[in-house]
Amino acid sequence: MTCIGFIGLGLIGGSLARSIKKFHPEYRILAYSHTRSTLDQALEAGVIDEPLEQNDPAFGDCDFIFLCAPVQTNITYFPFLKSVIKSGCILTDVGSVKGETTEAARKAGLAASFIGGHPMAGTEKTGFASSTDYLLENAYYFITTNPNTDPQKVQKYSDLIRSIRSLPIVVSAEEHDYIVAGVSHLEHIVASSLVNTVKSIDTKDEKMKLVAAGGFRDITRIASSSPVMWQQICLANRTDILRVLDRYTEFLAHFRSMIDQGDSDGLFRTFSSSKDYRDSIDDIQRGSVPRQYLLYVDIYDEPGGIATVTTLLAMNQISIKNIGIIHNREFEDGVLRIEFYDDPARLAAEDVLNKRNYTVRKKV
């Protein structure tokens, strides 16, 4: 029987454990968390089969061990794991930075066992209570190698990731850290900077906060992520982050210059270039299942308006993941935003609401 161990069961660790148990109910899952209540939740939910103590020798039974704590915390477990893991065990992590962890594994004598992992998934929420068994579906999942990596272990790891419907991408640790500095780490820095900028210039009665529009909310959502985690990421991936941050500040300076000089042609070219590149991302990912399954519905602001919609969907056995009124509709497609768990539910809801003459729009 395949045995899989987890050290840490937060949002990503918990979602990974849930996904594995969903698609492989026969697998035995062991886990340690520094919070006992987390283990109790996971045990009660049937996600894990056995809670473990810190540095528990039972980790020696595992075929995979996932380190799902912050980077610096994961590294502290290496001496213990070196003493207990069996031959053939794949030791991995889910951290956003790979170079530091890979080097620490090498120094600990674990280079042959360690294969880095990083699912490109997450939300601004944290903790096991926020984890789901579908968070990683159709998400890219980096698998990072080093010169000592056994190709057969990479294949075994990739097969596991595919089996939970994630999309494995195999790269070196160095390439991974540069890629995520550009498409993940920089964005969190920008989001944090934007939020702090608006905070510093807001009116005394916080009118900017009150009317913050869809565009602002979308681009700054990730600023709600764990400050501790992002503090560690910035320090762990310092070289690559500085490399892309320098390039970004050059673009900001260029924007300032064009605005200052009234360079209409330059502004148009820059916005046009970014639009074309952004649209090409959608073209590349068109064949994948979208991360969010959304409908936007125009309804009158009257008592019972939302209840009527939810009742219609419930009568047709359509489950809703989330629902809410959009108060500022700049860059939005409808006053009522409904999120579903999957695309069949979204399509069924669209059909039901259209038949009742609601104006329905979907975002893909």
Protein backbone atom coordinates (compact mmCIF):
# COMPACT_ATOMS: atom_id res chain seq x y z
CA MET A 1 0.00 0.00 0.00
CA THR A 2 1.31 3.44 -0.93
CA CYS A 3 1.99 5.57 2.13
CA ILE A 4 2.21 9.35 1.95
CA GLY A 5 3.35 11.66 4.74
CA PHE A 6 2.68 15.35 5.28
CA ILE A 7 4.49 17.80 7.50
CA GLY A 8 2.13 20.77 7.60
CA LEU A 9 -1.54 20.81 6.59
CA GLY A 10 -2.31 24.39 5.64
CA LEU A 11 -4.11 25.55 2.53
CA ILE A 12 -1.79 23.81 0.05
CA GLY A 13 -0.82 20.80 2.16
CA GLY A 14 -4.44 20.25 3.13
CA SER A 15 -5.67 20.59 -0.46
CA LEU A 16 -2.98 18.21 -1.70
CA ALA A 17 -3.88 15.65 0.97
CA ARG A 18 -7.58 16.00 0.17
CA SER A 19 -6.92 15.55 -3.55
CA ILE A 20 -4.82 12.44 -3.02
CA LYS A 21 -7.43 10.91 -0.73
CA LYS A 22 -10.16 11.79 -3.24
CA PHE A 23 -8.48 10.04 -6.17
CA HIS A 24 -6.64 7.36 -4.15
CA PRO A 25 -8.81 6.45 -1.17
CA GLU A 26 -6.73 3.32 -0.70
CA TYR A 27 -3.54 5.28 0.01
CA ARG A 28 -2.50 5.62 3.65
CA ILE A 29 -1.92 9.25 4.59
CA LEU A 30 0.04 10.24 7.70
CA ALA A 31 0.48 13.82 8.85
CA TYR A 32 2.05 16.06 11.46
CA SER A 33 0.97 19.62 12.18
CA HIS A 34 2.17 21.87 14.97
CA THR A 35 -1.51 22.58 15.69
CA ARG A 36 -3.28 19.55 17.12
CA SER A 37 -6.71 20.92 16.17
CA THR A 38 -5.66 20.81 12.50
CA LEU A 39 -4.86 17.11 12.77
CA ASP A 40 -8.18 16.50 14.51
CA GLN A 41 -10.03 18.29 11.68
CA ALA A 42 -8.18 16.30 9.02
CA LEU A 43 -8.80 13.02 10.84
CA GLU A 44 -12.50 13.77 11.31
CA ALA A 45 -12.83 14.72 7.63
CA GLY A 46 -11.26 11.42 6.59
CA VAL A 47 -8.38 13.22 4.87
CA ILE A 48 -5.64 11.54 6.92
CA ASP A 49 -5.49 8.06 8.38
CA GLU A 50 -3.10 8.71 11.24
CA PRO A 51 -1.88 11.83 13.05
CA LEU A 52 1.81 11.81 13.94
CA GLU A 53 4.00 13.53 16.47
CA GLN A 54 6.89 15.79 15.47
CA ASN A 55 9.90 13.73 14.30
CA ASP A 56 7.78 10.59 14.40
CA PRO A 57 9.66 7.47 13.18
CA ALA A 58 6.49 6.42 11.31
CA PHE A 59 7.60 8.80 8.55
CA GLY A 60 10.07 6.05 7.67
CA ASP A 61 7.17 4.06 6.17
CA CYS A 62 6.35 6.73 3.60
CA ASP A 63 6.82 6.48 -0.17
CA PHE A 64 6.31 10.26 -0.49
CA ILE A 65 6.84 12.93 2.15
CA PHE A 66 5.45 16.41 1.44
CA LEU A 67 6.94 19.31 3.38
CA CYS A 68 4.18 21.91 3.52
CA ALA A 69 5.46 24.38 6.10
CA PRO A 70 7.28 27.68 5.35
CA VAL A 71 10.67 27.29 3.63
CA GLN A 72 12.84 27.85 6.70
CA THR A 73 10.71 25.48 8.77
CA ASN A 74 10.87 22.75 6.12
CA ILE A 75 14.66 22.87 6.15
CA THR A 76 14.81 22.24 9.91
CA TYR A 77 13.30 18.78 9.34
CA PHE A 78 16.10 17.58 7.04
CA PRO A 79 18.41 16.10 9.73
CA PHE A 80 15.53 14.06 11.17
CA LEU A 81 14.28 12.93 7.77
CA LYS A 82 17.78 11.91 6.73
CA SER A 83 17.80 9.47 9.66
CA VAL A 84 14.43 7.81 8.94
CA ILE A 85 13.40 7.89 5.27
CA LYS A 86 13.62 4.64 3.38
CA SER A 87 15.41 4.03 0.12
CA GLY A 88 13.22 5.08 -2.79
CA CYS A 89 11.19 7.60 -0.79
CA ILE A 90 10.53 10.85 -2.64
CA LEU A 91 11.01 13.83 -0.35
CA THR A 92 9.41 16.98 -1.71
CA ASP A 93 7.94 20.33 -0.71
CA VAL A 94 5.33 22.78 -1.97
CA GLY A 95 7.24 26.02 -1.46
CA SER A 96 7.40 28.92 -3.87
CA VAL A 97 11.23 29.04 -3.84
CA LYS A 98 13.37 26.07 -4.79
CA GLY A 99 17.04 27.08 -4.85
CA GLU A 100 17.49 27.47 -1.09
CA THR A 101 15.63 24.27 -0.22
CA THR A 102 17.43 22.24 -2.90
CA GLU A 103 20.82 23.41 -1.63
CA ALA A 104 19.85 22.66 1.97
CA ALA A 105 18.78 19.15 0.94
CA ARG A 106 22.13 18.62 -0.75
CA LYS A 107 24.03 19.73 2.35
CA ALA A 108 21.91 17.39 4.47
CA GLY A 109 22.78 14.43 2.24
CA LEU A 110 19.28 14.22 0.79
CA ALA A 111 20.00 15.24 -2.81
CA ALA A 112 19.08 11.79 -4.15
CA SER A 113 15.74 11.82 -2.32
CA PHE A 114 14.66 15.45 -2.70
CA ILE A 115 12.62 16.61 -5.70
CA GLY A 116 11.15 20.07 -5.40
CA GLY A 117 7.48 20.67 -5.99
CA HIS A 118 5.37 23.81 -6.36
CA PRO A 119 1.67 23.76 -7.27
CA MET A 120 0.70 27.02 -8.97
CA ALA A 121 -2.50 27.30 -7.00
CA GLY A 122 -3.77 29.07 -3.93
CA THR A 123 -6.03 31.74 -2.59
CA GLU A 124 -5.69 34.62 -0.18
CA LYS A 125 -7.08 32.29 2.49
CA THR A 126 -4.90 30.20 4.79
CA GLY A 127 -5.18 27.08 6.92
CA PHE A 128 -6.61 23.59 6.60
CA ALA A 129 -10.18 24.88 6.97
CA SER A 130 -9.76 26.72 3.65
CA SER A 131 -8.34 23.70 1.79
CA THR A 132 -10.37 21.84 -0.85
CA ASP A 133 -10.04 18.68 -2.91
CA TYR A 134 -10.34 20.67 -6.16
CA LEU A 135 -7.91 23.55 -5.59
CA LEU A 136 -5.15 21.81 -7.55
CA GLU A 137 -7.27 20.53 -10.44
CA ASN A 138 -6.01 21.83 -13.78
CA ALA A 139 -3.31 23.82 -11.99
CA TYR A 140 0.27 23.73 -13.24
CA TYR A 141 2.53 21.89 -10.82
CA PHE A 142 6.28 22.52 -11.03
CA ILE A 143 8.56 19.56 -10.36
CA THR A 144 12.17 20.68 -9.98
CA THR A 145 15.22 18.53 -10.45
CA ASN A 146 18.90 18.62 -9.48
CA PRO A 147 21.94 16.80 -10.93
CA ASN A 148 21.34 13.84 -8.58
CA THR A 149 17.68 13.36 -9.46
CA ASP A 150 16.66 9.86 -10.57
CA PRO A 151 14.53 10.11 -13.77
CA GLN A 152 12.40 7.19 -12.56
CA LYS A 153 11.52 9.13 -9.42
CA VAL A 154 10.59 12.15 -11.53
CA GLN A 155 8.28 9.91 -13.56
CA LYS A 156 6.73 8.46 -10.40
CA TYR A 157 6.17 11.93 -8.98
CA SER A 158 4.71 13.20 -12.27
CA ASP A 159 2.33 10.24 -12.41
CA LEU A 160 1.03 11.06 -8.92
CA ILE A 161 0.50 14.70 -9.84
CA ARG A 162 -1.34 13.78 -13.05
CA SER A 163 -3.54 11.36 -11.11
CA ILE A 164 -4.96 14.23 -9.03
CA ARG A 165 -5.59 16.16 -12.27
CA SER A 166 -2.79 18.67 -11.91
CA LEU A 167 -0.44 19.49 -14.81
CA PRO A 168 3.22 18.70 -14.06
CA ILE A 169 6.02 20.83 -15.52
CA VAL A 170 9.58 19.57 -14.98
CA VAL A 171 12.30 22.27 -14.78
CA SER A 172 15.51 22.94 -12.89
CA ALA A 173 15.35 24.68 -9.52
CA GLU A 174 17.13 27.72 -10.99
CA GLU A 175 14.69 28.09 -13.88
CA HIS A 176 11.74 27.68 -11.55
CA ASP A 177 12.86 30.48 -9.23
CA TYR A 178 13.32 32.90 -12.12
CA ILE A 179 9.92 32.04 -13.61
CA VAL A 180 7.99 32.47 -10.37
CA ALA A 181 9.86 35.67 -9.56
CA GLY A 182 8.30 37.08 -12.73
CA VAL A 183 4.78 35.62 -12.63
CA SER A 184 4.14 35.28 -8.89
CA HIS A 185 6.54 37.03 -6.55
CA LEU A 186 6.60 40.33 -8.43
CA GLU A 187 2.78 40.39 -8.50
CA HIS A 188 2.56 40.08 -4.72
CA ILE A 189 5.01 42.92 -4.29
CA VAL A 190 3.06 45.05 -6.75
CA ALA A 191 -0.26 44.21 -5.06
CA SER A 192 1.11 45.10 -1.65
CA SER A 193 2.59 48.33 -3.01
CA LEU A 194 -0.70 49.32 -4.65
CA VAL A 195 -2.69 48.71 -1.49
CA ASN A 196 -0.24 50.66 0.64
CA THR A 197 -0.18 53.48 -1.92
CA VAL A 198 -3.97 53.85 -1.88
CA LYS A 199 -3.96 53.57 1.90
CA SER A 200 -1.48 56.44 2.11
CA ILE A 201 -3.40 58.74 -0.28
CA ASP A 202 -6.98 57.86 0.70
CA THR A 203 -9.32 60.61 1.89
CA LYS A 204 -9.94 61.03 5.60
CA ASP A 205 -13.30 59.26 5.34
CA GLU A 206 -11.73 56.49 3.18
CA LYS A 207 -13.78 57.10 0.05
CA MET A 208 -11.17 55.27 -2.06
CA LYS A 209 -11.61 52.15 0.03
CA LEU A 210 -15.39 52.46 -0.21
CA VAL A 211 -15.55 52.65 -4.01
CA ALA A 212 -12.57 50.40 -4.82
CA ALA A 213 -13.61 48.93 -8.15
CA GLY A 214 -13.42 45.47 -9.68
CA GLY A 215 -10.08 46.16 -11.32
CA PHE A 216 -8.51 47.28 -8.05
CA ARG A 217 -9.96 44.35 -6.12
CA ASP A 218 -8.81 41.81 -8.71
CA ILE A 219 -5.24 43.08 -8.95
CA THR A 220 -4.82 43.47 -5.17
CA ARG A 221 -6.63 40.36 -3.94
CA ILE A 222 -3.36 38.54 -3.32
CA ALA A 223 -2.22 41.29 -0.96
CA SER A 224 -4.35 39.47 1.64
CA SER A 225 -1.95 36.50 1.62
CA SER A 226 0.17 35.53 4.62
CA PRO A 227 2.71 38.29 5.47
CA VAL A 228 5.03 35.75 7.10
CA MET A 229 5.08 33.53 4.01
CA TRP A 230 5.82 36.44 1.66
CA GLN A 231 8.45 37.86 3.95
CA GLN A 232 10.29 34.52 3.70
CA ILE A 233 9.78 34.22 -0.05
CA CYS A 234 11.27 37.66 -0.71
CA LEU A 235 14.35 36.81 1.33
CA ALA A 236 14.73 33.29 -0.06
CA ASN A 237 14.45 34.35 -3.72
CA ARG A 238 16.18 37.70 -3.32
CA THR A 239 18.41 37.55 -6.42
CA ASP A 240 15.71 36.69 -8.94
CA ILE A 241 13.14 39.02 -7.37
CA LEU A 242 15.55 41.95 -7.53
CA ARG A 243 16.29 41.07 -11.15
CA VAL A 244 12.63 41.29 -12.22
CA LEU A 245 11.83 44.14 -9.82
CA ASP A 246 14.54 46.29 -11.43
CA ARG A 247 12.97 45.65 -14.82
CA TYR A 248 9.53 46.53 -13.47
CA THR A 249 10.70 49.82 -11.97
CA GLU A 250 12.23 50.68 -15.35
CA PHE A 251 8.78 50.27 -16.91
CA LEU A 252 7.20 52.43 -14.20
CA ALA A 253 9.76 55.16 -14.83
CA HIS A 254 9.06 54.90 -18.56
CA PHE A 255 5.31 55.23 -17.91
CA ARG A 256 5.90 58.30 -15.77
CA SER A 257 8.02 59.86 -18.48
CA MET A 258 5.40 59.25 -21.19
CA ILE A 259 2.62 60.71 -19.04
CA ASP A 260 4.76 63.68 -18.03
CA GLN A 261 5.66 64.42 -21.66
CA GLY A 262 2.16 63.80 -23.01
CA ASP A 263 3.48 61.04 -25.29
CA SER A 264 0.13 59.77 -26.60
CA ASP A 265 1.69 57.51 -29.23
CA GLY A 266 4.03 55.91 -26.69
CA LEU A 267 1.20 55.35 -24.22
CA PHE A 268 -0.94 53.74 -26.91
CA ARG A 269 1.87 51.42 -28.02
CA THR A 270 2.60 50.39 -24.44
CA PHE A 271 -1.02 49.69 -23.56
CA SER A 272 -1.52 47.91 -26.89
CA SER A 273 1.55 45.72 -26.32
CA SER A 274 0.38 44.71 -22.85
CA LYS A 275 -3.13 44.00 -24.14
CA ASP A 276 -1.83 41.75 -26.92
CA TYR A 277 0.42 39.80 -24.54
CA ARG A 278 -2.34 39.46 -21.93
CA ASP A 279 -4.83 38.27 -24.55
CA SER A 280 -2.29 35.70 -25.78
CA ILE A 281 -2.22 34.17 -22.30
CA ASP A 282 -5.95 33.46 -22.58
CA ASP A 283 -5.39 31.98 -26.04
CA ILE A 284 -2.74 29.58 -24.70
CA GLN A 285 -4.92 28.47 -21.79
CA ARG A 286 -8.17 28.30 -23.75
CA GLY A 287 -8.14 24.50 -23.73
CA SER A 288 -7.82 24.25 -19.94
CA VAL A 289 -10.69 24.29 -17.50
CA PRO A 290 -10.91 27.80 -16.04
CA ARG A 291 -9.93 28.29 -12.43
CA GLN A 292 -13.22 30.05 -11.63
CA TYR A 293 -16.65 29.21 -12.93
CA LEU A 294 -18.51 32.52 -12.89
CA LEU A 295 -21.79 33.98 -14.04
CA TYR A 296 -22.81 37.61 -13.80
CA VAL A 297 -26.54 38.25 -13.59
CA ASP A 298 -28.41 41.54 -13.82
CA ILE A 299 -31.15 41.73 -11.19
CA TYR A 300 -33.23 44.54 -9.73
CA ASP A 301 -32.28 45.80 -6.29
CA GLU A 302 -35.47 44.67 -4.57
CA PRO A 303 -36.40 42.35 -1.69
CA GLY A 304 -36.19 38.71 -2.67
CA GLY A 305 -34.15 39.29 -5.83
CA ILE A 306 -31.22 37.10 -4.79
CA ALA A 307 -33.51 34.57 -3.09
CA THR A 308 -35.41 34.06 -6.35
CA VAL A 309 -32.20 33.29 -8.22
CA THR A 310 -30.86 30.90 -5.58
CA THR A 311 -34.24 29.15 -5.34
CA LEU A 312 -34.32 28.60 -9.09
CA LEU A 313 -30.85 27.06 -9.00
CA ALA A 314 -31.66 24.90 -5.96
CA MET A 315 -34.83 23.60 -7.61
CA ASN A 316 -32.64 22.44 -10.49
CA GLN A 317 -30.12 20.85 -8.09
CA ILE A 318 -27.34 23.30 -9.03
CA SER A 319 -24.88 23.94 -6.21
CA ILE A 320 -23.44 27.42 -5.65
CA LYS A 321 -19.92 27.91 -4.36
CA ASN A 322 -20.22 31.64 -3.68
CA ILE A 323 -22.58 34.51 -4.41
CA GLY A 324 -22.44 38.25 -3.87
CA ILE A 325 -23.63 41.68 -4.95
CA ILE A 326 -21.11 43.86 -6.80
CA HIS A 327 -21.53 47.38 -5.45
CA ASN A 328 -19.10 49.10 -7.82
CA ARG A 329 -19.50 47.66 -11.30
CA GLU A 330 -16.58 49.28 -13.06
CA PHE A 331 -15.00 46.57 -15.25
CA GLU A 332 -17.67 44.10 -14.11
CA ASP A 333 -20.34 42.40 -16.21
CA GLY A 334 -23.32 42.21 -13.88
CA VAL A 335 -24.68 43.17 -10.52
CA LEU A 336 -24.87 39.63 -9.08
CA ARG A 337 -21.72 37.48 -9.16
CA ILE A 338 -22.25 33.72 -8.82
CA GLU A 339 -19.42 31.20 -8.60
CA PHE A 340 -19.90 27.47 -9.19
CA TYR A 341 -17.80 24.42 -8.41
CA ASP A 342 -17.47 23.26 -12.01
CA ASP A 343 -18.32 24.21 -15.57
CA PRO A 344 -21.32 21.83 -16.01
CA ALA A 345 -22.99 23.58 -13.06
CA ARG A 346 -22.27 26.97 -14.57
CA LEU A 347 -23.67 25.96 -17.96
CA ALA A 348 -26.79 24.46 -16.37
CA ALA A 349 -27.34 27.64 -14.33
CA GLU A 350 -26.92 29.78 -17.44
CA ASP A 351 -29.58 27.76 -19.22
CA VAL A 352 -32.02 27.94 -16.29
CA LEU A 353 -31.62 31.69 -15.82
CA ASN A 354 -31.82 32.46 -19.54
CA LYS A 355 -35.12 30.59 -19.73
CA ARG A 356 -36.42 32.89 -16.98
CA ASN A 357 -35.31 35.92 -19.04
CA TYR A 358 -32.45 36.99 -16.80
CA THR A 359 -29.59 38.81 -18.48
CA VAL A 360 -26.65 36.46 -17.91
CA ARG A 361 -23.00 36.88 -18.84
CA LYS A 362 -20.13 34.53 -18.21
CA LYS A 363 -16.43 35.18 -17.84
CA VAL A 364 -13.99 32.62 -19.28
